[in-house]
Amino acid sequence: TTVPTAPTPQLIDGENCCLVPVGDVGILKTAVQTLSNDADLCKKLGQGAAQLAKQFSWGKIAEETAVFYQSLM
């Protein structure tokens, strides 16, 4: 994925994603080549992404939104 414009500390390059700068075709090409040739890295990123996805479930987002609105009251 591209490097997010907003801080997203949950995204950890090489642990649960592969981050590339926006618009840098050369780095994107290298990343795709690396991933296509490294099954172990793909497995590691897949496992990390599966864990990360739990933090972005609709239930988790709703819970955090409710906590945020409660803090405003």
PDB file of N, CA and C in Angstrom:
ATOM      1  N   THR A   1       0.845  -1.180   0.000  1.00  0.00           N
ATOM      2  CA  THR A   1       0.000   0.000   0.000  1.00  0.00           C
ATOM      3  C   THR A   1       0.887   1.237   0.000  1.00  0.00           C
ATOM      4  N   THR A   2       0.268   2.371  -0.252  1.00  0.00           N
ATOM      5  CA  THR A   2       1.049   3.601  -0.228  1.00  0.00           C
ATOM      6  C   THR A   2       1.172   4.109   1.199  1.00  0.00           C
ATOM      7  N   VAL A   3       2.221   4.861   1.444  1.00  0.00           N
ATOM      8  CA  VAL A   3       2.442   5.461   2.758  1.00  0.00           C
ATOM      9  C   VAL A   3       1.264   6.399   3.024  1.00  0.00           C
ATOM     10  N   PRO A   4       0.563   6.202   4.147  1.00  0.00           N
ATOM     11  CA  PRO A   4      -0.604   7.040   4.411  1.00  0.00           C
ATOM     12  C   PRO A   4      -0.234   8.494   4.678  1.00  0.00           C
ATOM     13  N   THR A   5      -1.158   9.399   4.334  1.00  0.00           N
ATOM     14  CA  THR A   5      -0.906  10.812   4.582  1.00  0.00           C
ATOM     15  C   THR A   5      -1.132  11.166   6.046  1.00  0.00           C
ATOM     16  N   ALA A   6      -2.014  10.426   6.716  1.00  0.00           N
ATOM     17  CA  ALA A   6      -2.245  10.620   8.151  1.00  0.00           C
ATOM     18  C   ALA A   6      -1.453   9.570   8.912  1.00  0.00           C
ATOM     19  N   PRO A   7      -0.922   9.915  10.070  1.00  0.00           N
ATOM     20  CA  PRO A   7      -0.179   8.925  10.861  1.00  0.00           C
ATOM     21  C   PRO A   7      -1.037   7.682  11.120  1.00  0.00           C
ATOM     22  N   THR A   8      -0.483   6.546  10.792  1.00  0.00           N
ATOM     23  CA  THR A   8      -1.163   5.262  10.994  1.00  0.00           C
ATOM     24  C   THR A   8      -0.143   4.294  11.569  1.00  0.00           C
ATOM     25  N   PRO A   9       0.124   4.409  12.859  1.00  0.00           N
ATOM     26  CA  PRO A   9       1.198   3.604  13.453  1.00  0.00           C
ATOM     27  C   PRO A   9       0.943   2.102  13.398  1.00  0.00           C
ATOM     28  N   GLN A  10      -0.303   1.708  13.153  1.00  0.00           N
ATOM     29  CA  GLN A  10      -0.607   0.281  13.072  1.00  0.00           C
ATOM     30  C   GLN A  10       0.012  -0.359  11.829  1.00  0.00           C
ATOM     31  N   LEU A  11       0.235   0.435  10.788  1.00  0.00           N
ATOM     32  CA  LEU A  11       0.850  -0.087   9.571  1.00  0.00           C
ATOM     33  C   LEU A  11       2.356  -0.130   9.760  1.00  0.00           C
ATOM     34  N   ILE A  12       2.892  -1.340   9.758  1.00  0.00           N
ATOM     35  CA  ILE A  12       4.323  -1.519   9.987  1.00  0.00           C
ATOM     36  C   ILE A  12       4.921  -2.204   8.762  1.00  0.00           C
ATOM     37  N   ASP A  13       5.689  -1.435   8.024  1.00  0.00           N
ATOM     38  CA  ASP A  13       6.309  -1.941   6.810  1.00  0.00           C
ATOM     39  C   ASP A  13       7.131  -3.191   7.113  1.00  0.00           C
ATOM     40  N   GLY A  14       6.886  -4.233   6.352  1.00  0.00           N
ATOM     41  CA  GLY A  14       7.630  -5.472   6.533  1.00  0.00           C
ATOM     42  C   GLY A  14       7.073  -6.390   7.603  1.00  0.00           C
ATOM     43  N   GLU A  15       6.072  -5.915   8.347  1.00  0.00           N
ATOM     44  CA  GLU A  15       5.449  -6.735   9.392  1.00  0.00           C
ATOM     45  C   GLU A  15       4.005  -7.096   9.023  1.00  0.00           C
ATOM     46  N   ASN A  16       3.234  -6.082   8.615  1.00  0.00           N
ATOM     47  CA  ASN A  16       1.840  -6.356   8.267  1.00  0.00           C
ATOM     48  C   ASN A  16       1.435  -5.687   6.953  1.00  0.00           C
ATOM     49  N   CYS A  17       2.397  -5.091   6.277  1.00  0.00           N
ATOM     50  CA  CYS A  17       2.149  -4.480   4.969  1.00  0.00           C
ATOM     51  C   CYS A  17       3.481  -4.185   4.301  1.00  0.00           C
ATOM     52  N   CYS A  18       3.369  -3.760   3.077  1.00  0.00           N
ATOM     53  CA  CYS A  18       4.533  -3.293   2.327  1.00  0.00           C
ATOM     54  C   CYS A  18       4.199  -1.870   1.907  1.00  0.00           C
ATOM     55  N   LEU A  19       4.875  -0.900   2.492  1.00  0.00           N
ATOM     56  CA  LEU A  19       4.588   0.507   2.230  1.00  0.00           C
ATOM     57  C   LEU A  19       5.502   1.054   1.135  1.00  0.00           C
ATOM     58  N   VAL A  20       4.887   1.763   0.207  1.00  0.00           N
ATOM     59  CA  VAL A  20       5.648   2.432  -0.847  1.00  0.00           C
ATOM     60  C   VAL A  20       5.191   3.883  -0.927  1.00  0.00           C
ATOM     61  N   PRO A  21       6.091   4.781  -1.285  1.00  0.00           N
ATOM     62  CA  PRO A  21       5.713   6.187  -1.415  1.00  0.00           C
ATOM     63  C   PRO A  21       4.720   6.384  -2.574  1.00  0.00           C
ATOM     64  N   VAL A  22       3.823   7.334  -2.400  1.00  0.00           N
ATOM     65  CA  VAL A  22       2.868   7.668  -3.457  1.00  0.00           C
ATOM     66  C   VAL A  22       3.635   8.149  -4.690  1.00  0.00           C
ATOM     67  N   GLY A  23       3.288   7.599  -5.828  1.00  0.00           N
ATOM     68  CA  GLY A  23       3.851   8.068  -7.091  1.00  0.00           C
ATOM     69  C   GLY A  23       5.233   7.573  -7.440  1.00  0.00           C
ATOM     70  N   ASP A  24       5.839   6.728  -6.615  1.00  0.00           N
ATOM     71  CA  ASP A  24       7.190   6.235  -6.905  1.00  0.00           C
ATOM     72  C   ASP A  24       7.093   4.870  -7.582  1.00  0.00           C
ATOM     73  N   VAL A  25       7.002   4.908  -8.888  1.00  0.00           N
ATOM     74  CA  VAL A  25       6.813   3.678  -9.662  1.00  0.00           C
ATOM     75  C   VAL A  25       7.991   2.723  -9.504  1.00  0.00           C
ATOM     76  N   GLY A  26       9.195   3.250  -9.399  1.00  0.00           N
ATOM     77  CA  GLY A  26      10.378   2.401  -9.252  1.00  0.00           C
ATOM     78  C   GLY A  26      10.344   1.582  -7.978  1.00  0.00           C
ATOM     79  N   ILE A  27       9.995   2.233  -6.869  1.00  0.00           N
ATOM     80  CA  ILE A  27       9.926   1.512  -5.597  1.00  0.00           C
ATOM     81  C   ILE A  27       8.760   0.527  -5.616  1.00  0.00           C
ATOM     82  N   LEU A  28       7.646   0.919  -6.226  1.00  0.00           N
ATOM     83  CA  LEU A  28       6.508   0.001  -6.337  1.00  0.00           C
ATOM     84  C   LEU A  28       6.903  -1.236  -7.135  1.00  0.00           C
ATOM     85  N   LYS A  29       7.603  -1.034  -8.230  1.00  0.00           N
ATOM     86  CA  LYS A  29       8.050  -2.160  -9.055  1.00  0.00           C
ATOM     87  C   LYS A  29       8.947  -3.099  -8.245  1.00  0.00           C
ATOM     88  N   THR A  30       9.890  -2.513  -7.513  1.00  0.00           N
ATOM     89  CA  THR A  30      10.791  -3.318  -6.687  1.00  0.00           C
ATOM     90  C   THR A  30      10.012  -4.089  -5.624  1.00  0.00           C
ATOM     91  N   ALA A  31       9.038  -3.430  -4.997  1.00  0.00           N
ATOM     92  CA  ALA A  31       8.237  -4.089  -3.960  1.00  0.00           C
ATOM     93  C   ALA A  31       7.457  -5.258  -4.535  1.00  0.00           C
ATOM     94  N   VAL A  32       6.848  -5.060  -5.700  1.00  0.00           N
ATOM     95  CA  VAL A  32       6.082  -6.145  -6.337  1.00  0.00           C
ATOM     96  C   VAL A  32       7.013  -7.305  -6.696  1.00  0.00           C
ATOM     97  N   GLN A  33       8.175  -7.002  -7.226  1.00  0.00           N
ATOM     98  CA  GLN A  33       9.134  -8.057  -7.568  1.00  0.00           C
ATOM     99  C   GLN A  33       9.575  -8.805  -6.313  1.00  0.00           C
ATOM    100  N   THR A  34       9.875  -8.064  -5.258  1.00  0.00           N
ATOM    101  CA  THR A  34      10.299  -8.694  -4.003  1.00  0.00           C
ATOM    102  C   THR A  34       9.215  -9.624  -3.487  1.00  0.00           C
ATOM    103  N   LEU A  35       7.987  -9.135  -3.459  1.00  0.00           N
ATOM    104  CA  LEU A  35       6.880  -9.954  -2.947  1.00  0.00           C
ATOM    105  C   LEU A  35       6.612 -11.165  -3.831  1.00  0.00           C
ATOM    106  N   SER A  36       6.755 -11.014  -5.129  1.00  0.00           N
ATOM    107  CA  SER A  36       6.484 -12.147  -6.022  1.00  0.00           C
ATOM    108  C   SER A  36       7.557 -13.221  -5.925  1.00  0.00           C
ATOM    109  N   ASN A  37       8.723 -12.855  -5.384  1.00  0.00           N
ATOM    110  CA  ASN A  37       9.824 -13.822  -5.268  1.00  0.00           C
ATOM    111  C   ASN A  37      10.074 -14.312  -3.851  1.00  0.00           C
ATOM    112  N   ASP A  38       9.298 -13.857  -2.893  1.00  0.00           N
ATOM    113  CA  ASP A  38       9.568 -14.185  -1.490  1.00  0.00           C
ATOM    114  C   ASP A  38       8.297 -14.695  -0.801  1.00  0.00           C
ATOM    115  N   ALA A  39       8.064 -15.987  -0.913  1.00  0.00           N
ATOM    116  CA  ALA A  39       6.863 -16.593  -0.334  1.00  0.00           C
ATOM    117  C   ALA A  39       6.821 -16.438   1.179  1.00  0.00           C
ATOM    118  N   ASP A  40       7.975 -16.512   1.828  1.00  0.00           N
ATOM    119  CA  ASP A  40       8.007 -16.366   3.287  1.00  0.00           C
ATOM    120  C   ASP A  40       7.575 -14.963   3.715  1.00  0.00           C
ATOM    121  N   LEU A  41       8.047 -13.956   2.999  1.00  0.00           N
ATOM    122  CA  LEU A  41       7.652 -12.591   3.306  1.00  0.00           C
ATOM    123  C   LEU A  41       6.158 -12.404   3.073  1.00  0.00           C
ATOM    124  N   CYS A  42       5.654 -12.948   1.982  1.00  0.00           N
ATOM    125  CA  CYS A  42       4.212 -12.853   1.711  1.00  0.00           C
ATOM    126  C   CYS A  42       3.410 -13.510   2.827  1.00  0.00           C
ATOM    127  N   LYS A  43       3.860 -14.649   3.287  1.00  0.00           N
ATOM    128  CA  LYS A  43       3.163 -15.330   4.390  1.00  0.00           C
ATOM    129  C   LYS A  43       3.203 -14.476   5.651  1.00  0.00           C
ATOM    130  N   LYS A  44       4.375 -13.926   5.973  1.00  0.00           N
ATOM    131  CA  LYS A  44       4.527 -13.079   7.156  1.00  0.00           C
ATOM    132  C   LYS A  44       3.609 -11.861   7.069  1.00  0.00           C
ATOM    133  N   LEU A  45       3.610 -11.184   5.922  1.00  0.00           N
ATOM    134  CA  LEU A  45       2.753 -10.012   5.752  1.00  0.00           C
ATOM    135  C   LEU A  45       1.276 -10.394   5.817  1.00  0.00           C
ATOM    136  N   GLY A  46       0.924 -11.536   5.253  1.00  0.00           N
ATOM    137  CA  GLY A  46      -0.460 -12.001   5.300  1.00  0.00           C
ATOM    138  C   GLY A  46      -0.929 -12.251   6.723  1.00  0.00           C
ATOM    139  N   GLN A  47      -0.078 -12.882   7.516  1.00  0.00           N
ATOM    140  CA  GLN A  47      -0.426 -13.140   8.915  1.00  0.00           C
ATOM    141  C   GLN A  47      -0.523 -11.832   9.695  1.00  0.00           C
ATOM    142  N   GLY A  48       0.422 -10.932   9.462  1.00  0.00           N
ATOM    143  CA  GLY A  48       0.383  -9.640  10.131  1.00  0.00           C
ATOM    144  C   GLY A  48      -0.836  -8.829   9.722  1.00  0.00           C
ATOM    145  N   ALA A  49      -1.188  -8.885   8.448  1.00  0.00           N
ATOM    146  CA  ALA A  49      -2.359  -8.155   7.958  1.00  0.00           C
ATOM    147  C   ALA A  49      -3.641  -8.721   8.544  1.00  0.00           C
ATOM    148  N   ALA A  50      -3.695 -10.042   8.716  1.00  0.00           N
ATOM    149  CA  ALA A  50      -4.886 -10.660   9.317  1.00  0.00           C
ATOM    150  C   ALA A  50      -5.073 -10.169  10.745  1.00  0.00           C
ATOM    151  N   GLN A  51      -3.993 -10.047  11.480  1.00  0.00           N
ATOM    152  CA  GLN A  51      -4.074  -9.514  12.846  1.00  0.00           C
ATOM    153  C   GLN A  51      -4.464  -8.039  12.827  1.00  0.00           C
ATOM    154  N   LEU A  52      -3.869  -7.291  11.927  1.00  0.00           N
ATOM    155  CA  LEU A  52      -4.158  -5.865  11.808  1.00  0.00           C
ATOM    156  C   LEU A  52      -5.617  -5.623  11.433  1.00  0.00           C
ATOM    157  N   ALA A  53      -6.159  -6.454  10.589  1.00  0.00           N
ATOM    158  CA  ALA A  53      -7.544  -6.276  10.120  1.00  0.00           C
ATOM    159  C   ALA A  53      -8.535  -6.263  11.276  1.00  0.00           C
ATOM    160  N   LYS A  54      -8.222  -6.969  12.344  1.00  0.00           N
ATOM    161  CA  LYS A  54      -9.113  -6.997  13.504  1.00  0.00           C
ATOM    162  C   LYS A  54      -9.282  -5.608  14.109  1.00  0.00           C
ATOM    163  N   GLN A  55      -8.253  -4.778  14.006  1.00  0.00           N
ATOM    164  CA  GLN A  55      -8.317  -3.420  14.547  1.00  0.00           C
ATOM    165  C   GLN A  55      -9.198  -2.505  13.700  1.00  0.00           C
ATOM    166  N   PHE A  56      -9.488  -2.918  12.480  1.00  0.00           N
ATOM    167  CA  PHE A  56     -10.264  -2.096  11.562  1.00  0.00           C
ATOM    168  C   PHE A  56     -11.625  -2.708  11.234  1.00  0.00           C
ATOM    169  N   SER A  57     -12.091  -3.619  12.085  1.00  0.00           N
ATOM    170  CA  SER A  57     -13.421  -4.205  11.861  1.00  0.00           C
ATOM    171  C   SER A  57     -14.484  -3.150  12.148  1.00  0.00           C
ATOM    172  N   TRP A  58     -15.663  -3.315  11.569  1.00  0.00           N
ATOM    173  CA  TRP A  58     -16.737  -2.344  11.797  1.00  0.00           C
ATOM    174  C   TRP A  58     -17.125  -2.296  13.269  1.00  0.00           C
ATOM    175  N   GLY A  59     -17.095  -3.433  13.938  1.00  0.00           N
ATOM    176  CA  GLY A  59     -17.395  -3.455  15.365  1.00  0.00           C
ATOM    177  C   GLY A  59     -16.409  -2.624  16.165  1.00  0.00           C
ATOM    178  N   LYS A  60     -15.143  -2.766  15.853  1.00  0.00           N
ATOM    179  CA  LYS A  60     -14.096  -2.009  16.549  1.00  0.00           C
ATOM    180  C   LYS A  60     -14.218  -0.514  16.235  1.00  0.00           C
ATOM    181  N   ILE A  61     -14.491  -0.188  14.994  1.00  0.00           N
ATOM    182  CA  ILE A  61     -14.653   1.218  14.612  1.00  0.00           C
ATOM    183  C   ILE A  61     -15.849   1.826  15.330  1.00  0.00           C
ATOM    184  N   ALA A  62     -16.960   1.095  15.395  1.00  0.00           N
ATOM    185  CA  ALA A  62     -18.155   1.588  16.089  1.00  0.00           C
ATOM    186  C   ALA A  62     -17.871   1.792  17.575  1.00  0.00           C
ATOM    187  N   GLU A  63     -17.155   0.852  18.170  1.00  0.00           N
ATOM    188  CA  GLU A  63     -16.805   0.954  19.590  1.00  0.00           C
ATOM    189  C   GLU A  63     -15.953   2.195  19.849  1.00  0.00           C
ATOM    190  N   GLU A  64     -14.947   2.409  19.046  1.00  0.00           N
ATOM    191  CA  GLU A  64     -14.070   3.564  19.223  1.00  0.00           C
ATOM    192  C   GLU A  64     -14.810   4.878  18.956  1.00  0.00           C
ATOM    193  N   THR A  65     -15.738   4.866  18.004  1.00  0.00           N
ATOM    194  CA  THR A  65     -16.533   6.061  17.724  1.00  0.00           C
ATOM    195  C   THR A  65     -17.422   6.394  18.912  1.00  0.00           C
ATOM    196  N   ALA A  66     -18.041   5.378  19.498  1.00  0.00           N
ATOM    197  CA  ALA A  66     -18.896   5.592  20.671  1.00  0.00           C
ATOM    198  C   ALA A  66     -18.083   6.156  21.835  1.00  0.00           C
ATOM    199  N   VAL A  67     -16.904   5.617  22.060  1.00  0.00           N
ATOM    200  CA  VAL A  67     -16.037   6.115  23.134  1.00  0.00           C
ATOM    201  C   VAL A  67     -15.666   7.573  22.874  1.00  0.00           C
ATOM    202  N   PHE A  68     -15.379   7.896  21.622  1.00  0.00           N
ATOM    203  CA  PHE A  68     -15.031   9.262  21.276  1.00  0.00           C
ATOM    204  C   PHE A  68     -16.183  10.212  21.588  1.00  0.00           C
ATOM    205  N   TYR A  69     -17.389   9.852  21.152  1.00  0.00           N
ATOM    206  CA  TYR A  69     -18.545  10.731  21.409  1.00  0.00           C
ATOM    207  C   TYR A  69     -18.860  10.823  22.902  1.00  0.00           C
ATOM    208  N   GLN A  70     -18.669   9.748  23.623  1.00  0.00           N
ATOM    209  CA  GLN A  70     -18.879   9.791  25.075  1.00  0.00           C
ATOM    210  C   GLN A  70     -17.890  10.759  25.715  1.00  0.00           C
ATOM    211  N   SER A  71     -16.684  10.807  25.206  1.00  0.00           N
ATOM    212  CA  SER A  71     -15.677  11.713  25.789  1.00  0.00           C
ATOM    213  C   SER A  71     -16.016  13.180  25.547  1.00  0.00           C
ATOM    214  N   LEU A  72     -16.859  13.468  24.565  1.00  0.00           N
ATOM    215  CA  LEU A  72     -17.239  14.841  24.261  1.00  0.00           C
ATOM    216  C   LEU A  72     -18.376  15.329  25.155  1.00  0.00           C
ATOM    217  N   MET A  73     -19.061  14.423  25.791  1.00  0.00           N
ATOM    218  CA  MET A  73     -20.217  14.795  26.618  1.00  0.00           C
ATOM    219  C   MET A  73     -19.807  15.251  27.988  1.00  0.00           C
TER     220      MET A  73
END
